Amino acid sequence: MEKIQFKKFAWHNLQNNEEPELRYVRDHFNFEVGHLQDVASPPLRPKIDFDEKYLFLVLLFPVHNRKTGAVIISELDIFLNKEVAVWVHKNDINAIRDIAQRMDNEPKFKEKYEHTTALVFVLDALEKLNLSLYPMLNHISWDIDAIDNQLFTGRERELINQILAIKRNIVAIQKTMRAQAHVLTEFEDRVEEYFGKKTIDKKTQLQFKRIISLSGDLWTQLENHKATIDAIQETNESLISFRLSDIMKTLTIFSVIVFPLTLLAAIFGMNTVEGMPFMNSGGGFWKVIAIMMTGTVCMFYWFKRRRWI
């Protein structure tokens, strides 16, 4: 738990949502029990609630796990009014850790918010959080390009896991961003009730629009990435299907050719010696082999003429 006091507000940075942190929030602030329950629960969806004395925001952000390569969802809960900005999170979002470290290590960064409001501080943080997602989307774009370059190289089966991993990460990021623009729009519409009209100057209005625009741009990029990886997956599956069809065609032709030869060998293998051709003449075995080879050549010629092979 970290508390930084500015002249106009205090920032409480709680780096977990377990019982000690919830007890701290419950003992020091008069927040609704339902909101504390939301803080303790797993991440569900972005939302904003308007209490009489404060705003409560639930925002979701993607976190990339470098060991597994998977994107997981992390929640940031914000209680906000004129006096305090209380953040509760799992301390796994790099942008939030960066803000906390700069507060401790860079006096100029801390002085920037010494005379500002809690609203300005939160809006700056939200803008940084959204901007921090662009490198993650860039990596996804590079991964998609790498897979695209490996198409038509005979590695279609190896690419399946990579394609599905990228789709999983895109879906995880989309889940965090799906309702964020709507939440921020509601935040902008009701913020005057809590901070007053004088606080919402043109600069603040522009920052709201910039953050909402960032959310829209991130969503557009995600949609483009999803459309691209879907097209790549469809192409990859078509290549796999074509190769399987080609293999089945070859096996079918092989079985069609072998079946008459097997039938001919079975006929000449009968124990009914009398009346069986070539049985009483010399070189009968080679004559049967010659008939088989002739039949095989004729069938290959027929298949080639019909362009089946």
C-alpha atoms as a PDB file:
ATOM      1  CA  MET A   1       0.000   0.000   0.000  1.00  0.00           C
ATOM      2  CA  GLU A   2       1.335   3.384  -0.972  1.00  0.00           C
ATOM      3  CA  LYS A   3      -0.056   6.826  -0.203  1.00  0.00           C
ATOM      4  CA  ILE A   4       1.138  10.041  -1.822  1.00  0.00           C
ATOM      5  CA  GLN A   5      -0.338  13.286  -0.559  1.00  0.00           C
ATOM      6  CA  PHE A   6      -0.681  16.247  -2.895  1.00  0.00           C
ATOM      7  CA  LYS A   7      -2.102  19.639  -2.022  1.00  0.00           C
ATOM      8  CA  LYS A   8      -5.544  18.991  -3.491  1.00  0.00           C
ATOM      9  CA  PHE A   9      -5.876  15.220  -3.232  1.00  0.00           C
ATOM     10  CA  ALA A  10      -4.219  11.995  -2.070  1.00  0.00           C
ATOM     11  CA  TRP A  11      -3.342   9.020  -4.200  1.00  0.00           C
ATOM     12  CA  HIS A  12      -3.743   5.635  -2.500  1.00  0.00           C
ATOM     13  CA  ASN A  13      -2.056   2.923  -4.550  1.00  0.00           C
ATOM     14  CA  LEU A  14      -3.043  -0.539  -3.278  1.00  0.00           C
ATOM     15  CA  GLN A  15      -1.049  -3.176  -5.106  1.00  0.00           C
ATOM     16  CA  ASN A  16      -3.309  -6.140  -4.351  1.00  0.00           C
ATOM     17  CA  ASN A  17      -6.976  -6.889  -3.778  1.00  0.00           C
ATOM     18  CA  GLU A  18      -6.661  -9.364  -0.913  1.00  0.00           C
ATOM     19  CA  GLU A  19      -8.129  -9.047   2.581  1.00  0.00           C
ATOM     20  CA  PRO A  20      -5.511  -6.609   4.045  1.00  0.00           C
ATOM     21  CA  GLU A  21      -6.022  -4.129   1.204  1.00  0.00           C
ATOM     22  CA  LEU A  22      -9.810  -4.419   1.340  1.00  0.00           C
ATOM     23  CA  ARG A  23      -9.725  -3.913   5.111  1.00  0.00           C
ATOM     24  CA  TYR A  24      -7.629  -0.770   4.615  1.00  0.00           C
ATOM     25  CA  VAL A  25     -10.147   0.625   2.121  1.00  0.00           C
ATOM     26  CA  ARG A  26     -13.083  -0.311   4.340  1.00  0.00           C
ATOM     27  CA  ASP A  27     -11.524   1.288   7.450  1.00  0.00           C
ATOM     28  CA  HIS A  28     -10.354   4.530   5.833  1.00  0.00           C
ATOM     29  CA  PHE A  29     -13.126   5.294   3.354  1.00  0.00           C
ATOM     30  CA  ASN A  30     -16.900   5.184   3.343  1.00  0.00           C
ATOM     31  CA  PHE A  31     -17.272   3.197   0.142  1.00  0.00           C
ATOM     32  CA  GLU A  32     -20.242   0.988  -0.702  1.00  0.00           C
ATOM     33  CA  VAL A  33     -19.990  -2.689   0.260  1.00  0.00           C
ATOM     34  CA  GLY A  34     -21.053  -3.726  -3.225  1.00  0.00           C
ATOM     35  CA  HIS A  35     -18.111  -1.865  -4.737  1.00  0.00           C
ATOM     36  CA  LEU A  36     -15.701  -3.545  -2.309  1.00  0.00           C
ATOM     37  CA  GLN A  37     -17.120  -6.888  -3.390  1.00  0.00           C
ATOM     38  CA  ASP A  38     -16.487  -5.940  -7.014  1.00  0.00           C
ATOM     39  CA  VAL A  39     -12.878  -5.168  -6.104  1.00  0.00           C
ATOM     40  CA  ALA A  40     -12.435  -8.584  -4.485  1.00  0.00           C
ATOM     41  CA  SER A  41     -13.995 -10.535  -7.364  1.00  0.00           C
ATOM     42  CA  PRO A  42     -12.148 -11.720 -10.497  1.00  0.00           C
ATOM     43  CA  PRO A  43     -12.170  -9.366 -13.511  1.00  0.00           C
ATOM     44  CA  LEU A  44     -15.581  -9.367 -15.162  1.00  0.00           C
ATOM     45  CA  ARG A  45     -16.234  -6.336 -17.350  1.00  0.00           C
ATOM     46  CA  PRO A  46     -15.437  -2.609 -17.498  1.00  0.00           C
ATOM     47  CA  LYS A  47     -18.071  -0.472 -15.795  1.00  0.00           C
ATOM     48  CA  ILE A  48     -18.671   2.808 -13.990  1.00  0.00           C
ATOM     49  CA  ASP A  49     -20.942   3.447 -11.008  1.00  0.00           C
ATOM     50  CA  PHE A  50     -22.010   6.862  -9.723  1.00  0.00           C
ATOM     51  CA  ASP A  51     -22.286   7.088  -5.955  1.00  0.00           C
ATOM     52  CA  GLU A  52     -23.330  10.277  -4.181  1.00  0.00           C
ATOM     53  CA  LYS A  53     -19.797  10.974  -2.967  1.00  0.00           C
ATOM     54  CA  TYR A  54     -17.513   9.310  -5.470  1.00  0.00           C
ATOM     55  CA  LEU A  55     -17.093   7.632  -8.838  1.00  0.00           C
ATOM     56  CA  PHE A  56     -16.241   3.951  -9.060  1.00  0.00           C
ATOM     57  CA  LEU A  57     -14.563   2.703 -12.224  1.00  0.00           C
ATOM     58  CA  VAL A  58     -13.673  -0.857 -13.156  1.00  0.00           C
ATOM     59  CA  LEU A  59     -11.265  -1.024 -16.082  1.00  0.00           C
ATOM     60  CA  LEU A  60      -9.624  -4.074 -17.637  1.00  0.00           C
ATOM     61  CA  PHE A  61      -6.191  -4.077 -19.241  1.00  0.00           C
ATOM     62  CA  PRO A  62      -4.275  -6.857 -21.017  1.00  0.00           C
ATOM     63  CA  VAL A  63      -1.008  -8.107 -19.531  1.00  0.00           C
ATOM     64  CA  HIS A  64       1.438 -10.126 -21.617  1.00  0.00           C
ATOM     65  CA  ASN A  65       2.989 -13.142 -19.908  1.00  0.00           C
ATOM     66  CA  ARG A  66       6.470 -13.463 -21.381  1.00  0.00           C
ATOM     67  CA  LYS A  67       6.944 -17.058 -20.220  1.00  0.00           C
ATOM     68  CA  THR A  68       3.794 -18.477 -21.787  1.00  0.00           C
ATOM     69  CA  GLY A  69       3.250 -15.856 -24.495  1.00  0.00           C
ATOM     70  CA  ALA A  70      -0.392 -15.581 -23.430  1.00  0.00           C
ATOM     71  CA  VAL A  71      -2.278 -12.366 -22.721  1.00  0.00           C
ATOM     72  CA  ILE A  72      -4.124 -12.349 -19.406  1.00  0.00           C
ATOM     73  CA  ILE A  73      -6.677  -9.837 -18.126  1.00  0.00           C
ATOM     74  CA  SER A  74      -5.878  -7.575 -15.187  1.00  0.00           C
ATOM     75  CA  GLU A  75      -8.332  -5.307 -13.399  1.00  0.00           C
ATOM     76  CA  LEU A  76      -7.860  -1.735 -12.200  1.00  0.00           C
ATOM     77  CA  ASP A  77     -10.460  -0.425  -9.745  1.00  0.00           C
ATOM     78  CA  ILE A  78     -10.592   3.334  -9.140  1.00  0.00           C
ATOM     79  CA  PHE A  79     -12.486   5.226  -6.443  1.00  0.00           C
ATOM     80  CA  LEU A  80     -12.406   8.897  -7.357  1.00  0.00           C
ATOM     81  CA  ASN A  81     -13.619  12.201  -5.923  1.00  0.00           C
ATOM     82  CA  LYS A  82     -12.116  15.627  -5.202  1.00  0.00           C
ATOM     83  CA  GLU A  83     -10.144  14.444  -2.172  1.00  0.00           C
ATOM     84  CA  VAL A  84      -8.840  10.995  -3.109  1.00  0.00           C
ATOM     85  CA  ALA A  85      -7.939   8.705  -5.946  1.00  0.00           C
ATOM     86  CA  VAL A  86      -7.866   5.137  -4.625  1.00  0.00           C
ATOM     87  CA  TRP A  87      -6.453   2.509  -6.984  1.00  0.00           C
ATOM     88  CA  VAL A  88      -6.697  -1.228  -6.339  1.00  0.00           C
ATOM     89  CA  HIS A  89      -4.907  -3.618  -8.693  1.00  0.00           C
ATOM     90  CA  LYS A  90      -2.671  -6.698  -8.847  1.00  0.00           C
ATOM     91  CA  ASN A  91       0.523  -4.736  -9.586  1.00  0.00           C
ATOM     92  CA  ASP A  92       1.016  -6.606 -12.865  1.00  0.00           C
ATOM     93  CA  ILE A  93       0.295  -3.706 -15.241  1.00  0.00           C
ATOM     94  CA  ASN A  94       3.603  -2.192 -16.327  1.00  0.00           C
ATOM     95  CA  ALA A  95       2.197   1.301 -16.912  1.00  0.00           C
ATOM     96  CA  ILE A  96       0.917   1.534 -13.314  1.00  0.00           C
ATOM     97  CA  ARG A  97       4.223   0.277 -11.915  1.00  0.00           C
ATOM     98  CA  ASP A  98       5.981   2.880 -14.028  1.00  0.00           C
ATOM     99  CA  ILE A  99       3.799   5.673 -12.599  1.00  0.00           C
ATOM    100  CA  ALA A 100       4.484   4.518  -9.029  1.00  0.00           C
ATOM    101  CA  GLN A 101       8.243   4.299  -9.644  1.00  0.00           C
ATOM    102  CA  ARG A 102       8.363   7.740 -11.201  1.00  0.00           C
ATOM    103  CA  MET A 103       6.489   9.153  -8.221  1.00  0.00           C
ATOM    104  CA  ASP A 104       9.207   7.753  -5.959  1.00  0.00           C
ATOM    105  CA  ASN A 105      12.256   8.487  -8.103  1.00  0.00           C
ATOM    106  CA  GLU A 106      11.459  11.604 -10.150  1.00  0.00           C
ATOM    107  CA  PRO A 107      10.635  14.705  -8.102  1.00  0.00           C
ATOM    108  CA  LYS A 108       9.624  16.668 -11.227  1.00  0.00           C
ATOM    109  CA  PHE A 109       7.084  14.025 -12.160  1.00  0.00           C
ATOM    110  CA  LYS A 110       5.568  14.212  -8.689  1.00  0.00           C
ATOM    111  CA  GLU A 111       5.572  18.026  -8.719  1.00  0.00           C
ATOM    112  CA  LYS A 112       3.551  17.949 -11.926  1.00  0.00           C
ATOM    113  CA  TYR A 113       0.476  16.897  -9.926  1.00  0.00           C
ATOM    114  CA  GLU A 114       1.158  18.914  -6.808  1.00  0.00           C
ATOM    115  CA  HIS A 115      -1.340  21.622  -7.745  1.00  0.00           C
ATOM    116  CA  THR A 116      -3.629  19.643 -10.056  1.00  0.00           C
ATOM    117  CA  THR A 117      -6.817  17.757  -9.246  1.00  0.00           C
ATOM    118  CA  ALA A 118      -7.375  14.051  -8.807  1.00  0.00           C
ATOM    119  CA  LEU A 119      -9.272  14.085 -12.094  1.00  0.00           C
ATOM    120  CA  VAL A 120      -6.247  15.351 -14.048  1.00  0.00           C
ATOM    121  CA  PHE A 121      -4.037  12.726 -12.447  1.00  0.00           C
ATOM    122  CA  VAL A 122      -6.460   9.900 -13.317  1.00  0.00           C
ATOM    123  CA  LEU A 123      -6.931  11.117 -16.891  1.00  0.00           C
ATOM    124  CA  ASP A 124      -3.155  11.284 -17.434  1.00  0.00           C
ATOM    125  CA  ALA A 125      -2.848   7.753 -16.066  1.00  0.00           C
ATOM    126  CA  LEU A 126      -5.636   6.433 -18.296  1.00  0.00           C
ATOM    127  CA  GLU A 127      -3.999   7.996 -21.332  1.00  0.00           C
ATOM    128  CA  LYS A 128      -0.667   6.367 -20.423  1.00  0.00           C
ATOM    129  CA  LEU A 129      -2.381   3.023 -19.906  1.00  0.00           C
ATOM    130  CA  ASN A 130      -3.988   3.157 -23.344  1.00  0.00           C
ATOM    131  CA  LEU A 131      -0.769   4.282 -25.027  1.00  0.00           C
ATOM    132  CA  SER A 132       1.063   1.378 -23.384  1.00  0.00           C
ATOM    133  CA  LEU A 133      -1.100  -1.058 -25.368  1.00  0.00           C
ATOM    134  CA  TYR A 134       0.316  -0.020 -28.748  1.00  0.00           C
ATOM    135  CA  PRO A 135       3.598  -1.981 -28.327  1.00  0.00           C
ATOM    136  CA  MET A 136       1.543  -5.093 -27.529  1.00  0.00           C
ATOM    137  CA  LEU A 137      -0.529  -4.620 -30.690  1.00  0.00           C
ATOM    138  CA  ASN A 138       2.682  -4.049 -32.665  1.00  0.00           C
ATOM    139  CA  HIS A 139       4.038  -7.395 -31.464  1.00  0.00           C
ATOM    140  CA  ILE A 140       0.807  -9.097 -32.510  1.00  0.00           C
ATOM    141  CA  SER A 141       1.104  -7.463 -35.925  1.00  0.00           C
ATOM    142  CA  TRP A 142       4.694  -8.711 -36.279  1.00  0.00           C
ATOM    143  CA  ASP A 143       3.639 -12.229 -35.262  1.00  0.00           C
ATOM    144  CA  ILE A 144       0.861 -12.157 -37.872  1.00  0.00           C
ATOM    145  CA  ASP A 145       3.320 -11.022 -40.558  1.00  0.00           C
ATOM    146  CA  ALA A 146       5.742 -13.800 -39.574  1.00  0.00           C
ATOM    147  CA  ILE A 147       3.005 -16.422 -39.954  1.00  0.00           C
ATOM    148  CA  ASP A 148       1.883 -14.896 -43.243  1.00  0.00           C
ATOM    149  CA  ASN A 149       5.428 -15.275 -44.595  1.00  0.00           C
ATOM    150  CA  GLN A 150       5.443 -18.970 -43.646  1.00  0.00           C
ATOM    151  CA  LEU A 151       2.330 -19.839 -45.624  1.00  0.00           C
ATOM    152  CA  PHE A 152       2.867 -22.039 -48.732  1.00  0.00           C
ATOM    153  CA  THR A 153       6.103 -23.416 -47.244  1.00  0.00           C
ATOM    154  CA  GLY A 154       4.737 -26.836 -46.301  1.00  0.00           C
ATOM    155  CA  ARG A 155       4.562 -25.980 -42.568  1.00  0.00           C
ATOM    156  CA  GLU A 156       0.795 -25.613 -42.378  1.00  0.00           C
ATOM    157  CA  ARG A 157       0.336 -28.018 -39.470  1.00  0.00           C
ATOM    158  CA  GLU A 158       3.065 -26.300 -37.437  1.00  0.00           C
ATOM    159  CA  LEU A 159       1.352 -22.940 -37.927  1.00  0.00           C
ATOM    160  CA  ILE A 160      -1.966 -24.062 -36.427  1.00  0.00           C
ATOM    161  CA  ASN A 161      -0.847 -23.587 -32.806  1.00  0.00           C
ATOM    162  CA  GLN A 162       0.720 -20.214 -33.580  1.00  0.00           C
ATOM    163  CA  ILE A 163      -2.443 -18.980 -35.295  1.00  0.00           C
ATOM    164  CA  LEU A 164      -4.666 -20.106 -32.437  1.00  0.00           C
ATOM    165  CA  ALA A 165      -2.347 -18.494 -29.861  1.00  0.00           C
ATOM    166  CA  ILE A 166      -2.584 -15.144 -31.654  1.00  0.00           C
ATOM    167  CA  LYS A 167      -6.368 -15.427 -31.918  1.00  0.00           C
ATOM    168  CA  ARG A 168      -6.563 -16.191 -28.187  1.00  0.00           C
ATOM    169  CA  ASN A 169      -4.524 -13.082 -27.371  1.00  0.00           C
ATOM    170  CA  ILE A 170      -6.605 -10.875 -29.662  1.00  0.00           C
ATOM    171  CA  VAL A 171      -9.815 -12.094 -28.048  1.00  0.00           C
ATOM    172  CA  ALA A 172      -8.372 -11.412 -24.574  1.00  0.00           C
ATOM    173  CA  ILE A 173      -7.447  -7.837 -25.532  1.00  0.00           C
ATOM    174  CA  GLN A 174     -10.832  -7.304 -27.155  1.00  0.00           C
ATOM    175  CA  LYS A 175     -12.515  -8.387 -23.937  1.00  0.00           C
ATOM    176  CA  THR A 176     -10.682  -5.628 -22.065  1.00  0.00           C
ATOM    177  CA  MET A 177     -11.434  -2.948 -24.663  1.00  0.00           C
ATOM    178  CA  ARG A 178     -14.984  -3.858 -25.664  1.00  0.00           C
ATOM    179  CA  ALA A 179     -16.829  -1.572 -23.207  1.00  0.00           C
ATOM    180  CA  GLN A 180     -14.042   0.828 -22.284  1.00  0.00           C
ATOM    181  CA  ALA A 181     -15.013   3.627 -24.682  1.00  0.00           C
ATOM    182  CA  HIS A 182     -18.593   3.483 -23.401  1.00  0.00           C
ATOM    183  CA  VAL A 183     -17.366   3.693 -19.785  1.00  0.00           C
ATOM    184  CA  LEU A 184     -15.154   6.674 -20.587  1.00  0.00           C
ATOM    185  CA  THR A 185     -18.009   8.432 -22.379  1.00  0.00           C
ATOM    186  CA  GLU A 186     -20.221   7.999 -19.322  1.00  0.00           C
ATOM    187  CA  PHE A 187     -17.348   9.226 -17.179  1.00  0.00           C
ATOM    188  CA  GLU A 188     -17.087  12.391 -19.280  1.00  0.00           C
ATOM    189  CA  ASP A 189     -20.852  13.005 -19.216  1.00  0.00           C
ATOM    190  CA  ARG A 190     -21.174  12.843 -15.419  1.00  0.00           C
ATOM    191  CA  VAL A 191     -17.829  14.179 -14.235  1.00  0.00           C
ATOM    192  CA  GLU A 192     -19.086  17.764 -13.714  1.00  0.00           C
ATOM    193  CA  GLU A 193     -21.387  16.558 -10.925  1.00  0.00           C
ATOM    194  CA  TYR A 194     -18.363  15.507  -8.863  1.00  0.00           C
ATOM    195  CA  PHE A 195     -15.705  18.051  -9.784  1.00  0.00           C
ATOM    196  CA  GLY A 196     -17.680  21.134 -10.855  1.00  0.00           C
ATOM    197  CA  LYS A 197     -17.896  22.970 -14.165  1.00  0.00           C
ATOM    198  CA  LYS A 198     -14.816  25.093 -13.451  1.00  0.00           C
ATOM    199  CA  THR A 199     -12.657  21.970 -13.235  1.00  0.00           C
ATOM    200  CA  ILE A 200     -13.749  20.743 -16.665  1.00  0.00           C
ATOM    201  CA  ASP A 201     -11.893  23.205 -18.856  1.00  0.00           C
ATOM    202  CA  LYS A 202     -11.115  22.844 -22.571  1.00  0.00           C
ATOM    203  CA  LYS A 203      -7.882  21.012 -21.849  1.00  0.00           C
ATOM    204  CA  THR A 204      -9.725  18.408 -19.788  1.00  0.00           C
ATOM    205  CA  GLN A 205     -12.431  18.046 -22.431  1.00  0.00           C
ATOM    206  CA  LEU A 206      -9.794  17.532 -25.110  1.00  0.00           C
ATOM    207  CA  GLN A 207      -8.062  14.938 -22.968  1.00  0.00           C
ATOM    208  CA  PHE A 208     -11.319  13.038 -22.515  1.00  0.00           C
ATOM    209  CA  LYS A 209     -11.838  13.042 -26.278  1.00  0.00           C
ATOM    210  CA  ARG A 210      -8.235  11.985 -26.837  1.00  0.00           C
ATOM    211  CA  ILE A 211      -8.549   9.023 -24.458  1.00  0.00           C
ATOM    212  CA  ILE A 212     -11.854   7.946 -26.020  1.00  0.00           C
ATOM    213  CA  SER A 213     -10.284   8.299 -29.460  1.00  0.00           C
ATOM    214  CA  LEU A 214      -7.354   6.134 -28.326  1.00  0.00           C
ATOM    215  CA  SER A 215      -9.779   3.443 -27.205  1.00  0.00           C
ATOM    216  CA  GLY A 216     -11.533   3.588 -30.572  1.00  0.00           C
ATOM    217  CA  ASP A 217      -8.236   3.403 -32.448  1.00  0.00           C
ATOM    218  CA  LEU A 218      -7.070   0.430 -30.373  1.00  0.00           C
ATOM    219  CA  TRP A 219     -10.353  -1.344 -31.069  1.00  0.00           C
ATOM    220  CA  THR A 220     -10.008  -0.671 -34.807  1.00  0.00           C
ATOM    221  CA  GLN A 221      -6.507  -2.129 -34.825  1.00  0.00           C
ATOM    222  CA  LEU A 222      -7.740  -5.193 -32.963  1.00  0.00           C
ATOM    223  CA  GLU A 223     -10.525  -5.657 -35.514  1.00  0.00           C
ATOM    224  CA  ASN A 224      -7.977  -5.407 -38.344  1.00  0.00           C
ATOM    225  CA  HIS A 225      -5.667  -7.915 -36.654  1.00  0.00           C
ATOM    226  CA  LYS A 226      -8.574 -10.293 -36.068  1.00  0.00           C
ATOM    227  CA  ALA A 227      -9.706 -10.055 -39.703  1.00  0.00           C
ATOM    228  CA  THR A 228      -6.144 -10.682 -40.897  1.00  0.00           C
ATOM    229  CA  ILE A 229      -5.504 -13.697 -38.689  1.00  0.00           C
ATOM    230  CA  ASP A 230      -8.931 -15.114 -39.613  1.00  0.00           C
ATOM    231  CA  ALA A 231      -7.992 -14.851 -43.298  1.00  0.00           C
ATOM    232  CA  ILE A 232      -4.618 -16.479 -42.623  1.00  0.00           C
ATOM    233  CA  GLN A 233      -6.295 -19.284 -40.684  1.00  0.00           C
ATOM    234  CA  GLU A 234      -8.762 -19.856 -43.528  1.00  0.00           C
ATOM    235  CA  THR A 235      -5.919 -19.971 -46.059  1.00  0.00           C
ATOM    236  CA  ASN A 236      -3.901 -22.326 -43.862  1.00  0.00           C
ATOM    237  CA  GLU A 237      -6.883 -24.654 -43.413  1.00  0.00           C
ATOM    238  CA  SER A 238      -7.490 -24.618 -47.170  1.00  0.00           C
ATOM    239  CA  LEU A 239      -3.881 -25.628 -47.778  1.00  0.00           C
ATOM    240  CA  ILE A 240      -4.160 -28.448 -45.242  1.00  0.00           C
ATOM    241  CA  SER A 241      -7.438 -29.578 -46.816  1.00  0.00           C
ATOM    242  CA  PHE A 242      -5.877 -29.491 -50.287  1.00  0.00           C
ATOM    243  CA  ARG A 243      -2.904 -31.564 -49.161  1.00  0.00           C
ATOM    244  CA  LEU A 244      -5.178 -34.083 -47.465  1.00  0.00           C
ATOM    245  CA  SER A 245      -7.310 -34.287 -50.605  1.00  0.00           C
ATOM    246  CA  ASP A 246      -4.201 -34.822 -52.703  1.00  0.00           C
ATOM    247  CA  ILE A 247      -3.033 -37.595 -50.364  1.00  0.00           C
ATOM    248  CA  MET A 248      -6.457 -39.250 -50.425  1.00  0.00           C
ATOM    249  CA  LYS A 249      -6.492 -39.031 -54.224  1.00  0.00           C
ATOM    250  CA  THR A 250      -3.105 -40.755 -54.442  1.00  0.00           C
ATOM    251  CA  LEU A 251      -4.142 -43.480 -52.022  1.00  0.00           C
ATOM    252  CA  THR A 252      -7.416 -44.014 -53.857  1.00  0.00           C
ATOM    253  CA  ILE A 253      -5.655 -44.399 -57.219  1.00  0.00           C
ATOM    254  CA  PHE A 254      -3.164 -46.777 -55.629  1.00  0.00           C
ATOM    255  CA  SER A 255      -5.955 -48.897 -54.118  1.00  0.00           C
ATOM    256  CA  VAL A 256      -7.876 -48.963 -57.424  1.00  0.00           C
ATOM    257  CA  ILE A 257      -4.773 -50.176 -59.251  1.00  0.00           C
ATOM    258  CA  VAL A 258      -3.848 -52.757 -56.622  1.00  0.00           C
ATOM    259  CA  PHE A 259      -7.354 -54.229 -56.280  1.00  0.00           C
ATOM    260  CA  PRO A 260      -7.521 -55.929 -59.760  1.00  0.00           C
ATOM    261  CA  LEU A 261      -3.981 -57.191 -59.316  1.00  0.00           C
ATOM    262  CA  THR A 262      -4.903 -58.657 -55.940  1.00  0.00           C
ATOM    263  CA  LEU A 263      -7.996 -60.249 -57.477  1.00  0.00           C
ATOM    264  CA  LEU A 264      -5.929 -61.747 -60.309  1.00  0.00           C
ATOM    265  CA  ALA A 265      -3.360 -63.087 -57.838  1.00  0.00           C
ATOM    266  CA  ALA A 266      -6.157 -64.619 -55.746  1.00  0.00           C
ATOM    267  CA  ILE A 267      -7.661 -66.323 -58.793  1.00  0.00           C
ATOM    268  CA  PHE A 268      -4.368 -67.871 -59.859  1.00  0.00           C
ATOM    269  CA  GLY A 269      -3.719 -68.857 -56.270  1.00  0.00           C
ATOM    270  CA  MET A 270      -6.731 -71.203 -56.200  1.00  0.00           C
ATOM    271  CA  ASN A 271      -6.163 -74.915 -55.771  1.00  0.00           C
ATOM    272  CA  THR A 272      -8.239 -75.728 -58.882  1.00  0.00           C
ATOM    273  CA  VAL A 273      -5.269 -76.666 -61.043  1.00  0.00           C
ATOM    274  CA  GLU A 274      -7.245 -78.302 -63.806  1.00  0.00           C
ATOM    275  CA  GLY A 275      -8.519 -75.790 -66.301  1.00  0.00           C
ATOM    276  CA  MET A 276      -6.341 -72.985 -64.920  1.00  0.00           C
ATOM    277  CA  PRO A 277      -4.338 -71.362 -67.733  1.00  0.00           C
ATOM    278  CA  PHE A 278      -0.554 -71.449 -67.707  1.00  0.00           C
ATOM    279  CA  MET A 279      -0.442 -74.071 -64.956  1.00  0.00           C
ATOM    280  CA  ASN A 280       0.865 -76.907 -67.149  1.00  0.00           C
ATOM    281  CA  SER A 281       3.159 -74.821 -69.317  1.00  0.00           C
ATOM    282  CA  GLY A 282       6.635 -73.575 -68.603  1.00  0.00           C
ATOM    283  CA  GLY A 283       7.051 -70.047 -67.291  1.00  0.00           C
ATOM    284  CA  GLY A 284       3.467 -69.841 -66.041  1.00  0.00           C
ATOM    285  CA  PHE A 285       4.476 -67.614 -63.110  1.00  0.00           C
ATOM    286  CA  TRP A 286       6.111 -65.037 -65.375  1.00  0.00           C
ATOM    287  CA  LYS A 287       3.156 -65.067 -67.704  1.00  0.00           C
ATOM    288  CA  VAL A 288       0.859 -64.152 -64.812  1.00  0.00           C
ATOM    289  CA  ILE A 289       3.278 -61.403 -63.756  1.00  0.00           C
ATOM    290  CA  ALA A 290       3.307 -60.108 -67.321  1.00  0.00           C
ATOM    291  CA  ILE A 291      -0.512 -59.955 -67.342  1.00  0.00           C
ATOM    292  CA  MET A 292      -0.440 -58.003 -64.061  1.00  0.00           C
ATOM    293  CA  MET A 293       2.178 -55.538 -65.337  1.00  0.00           C
ATOM    294  CA  THR A 294       0.226 -55.055 -68.566  1.00  0.00           C
ATOM    295  CA  GLY A 295      -2.947 -54.336 -66.584  1.00  0.00           C
ATOM    296  CA  THR A 296      -1.065 -51.878 -64.360  1.00  0.00           C
ATOM    297  CA  VAL A 297       0.381 -49.999 -67.350  1.00  0.00           C
ATOM    298  CA  CYS A 298      -3.038 -49.834 -69.022  1.00  0.00           C
ATOM    299  CA  MET A 299      -4.664 -48.463 -65.889  1.00  0.00           C
ATOM    300  CA  PHE A 300      -1.938 -45.816 -65.443  1.00  0.00           C
ATOM    301  CA  TYR A 301      -2.382 -44.837 -69.074  1.00  0.00           C
ATOM    302  CA  TRP A 302      -6.160 -44.562 -68.612  1.00  0.00           C
ATOM    303  CA  PHE A 303      -5.832 -42.445 -65.460  1.00  0.00           C
ATOM    304  CA  LYS A 304      -3.274 -40.196 -67.140  1.00  0.00           C
ATOM    305  CA  ARG A 305      -5.480 -39.744 -70.197  1.00  0.00           C
ATOM    306  CA  ARG A 306      -8.421 -38.747 -67.990  1.00  0.00           C
ATOM    307  CA  ARG A 307      -6.110 -36.389 -66.053  1.00  0.00           C
ATOM    308  CA  TRP A 308      -6.793 -38.085 -62.731  1.00  0.00           C
ATOM    309  CA  ILE A 309      -3.072 -38.188 -62.013  1.00  0.00           C
END
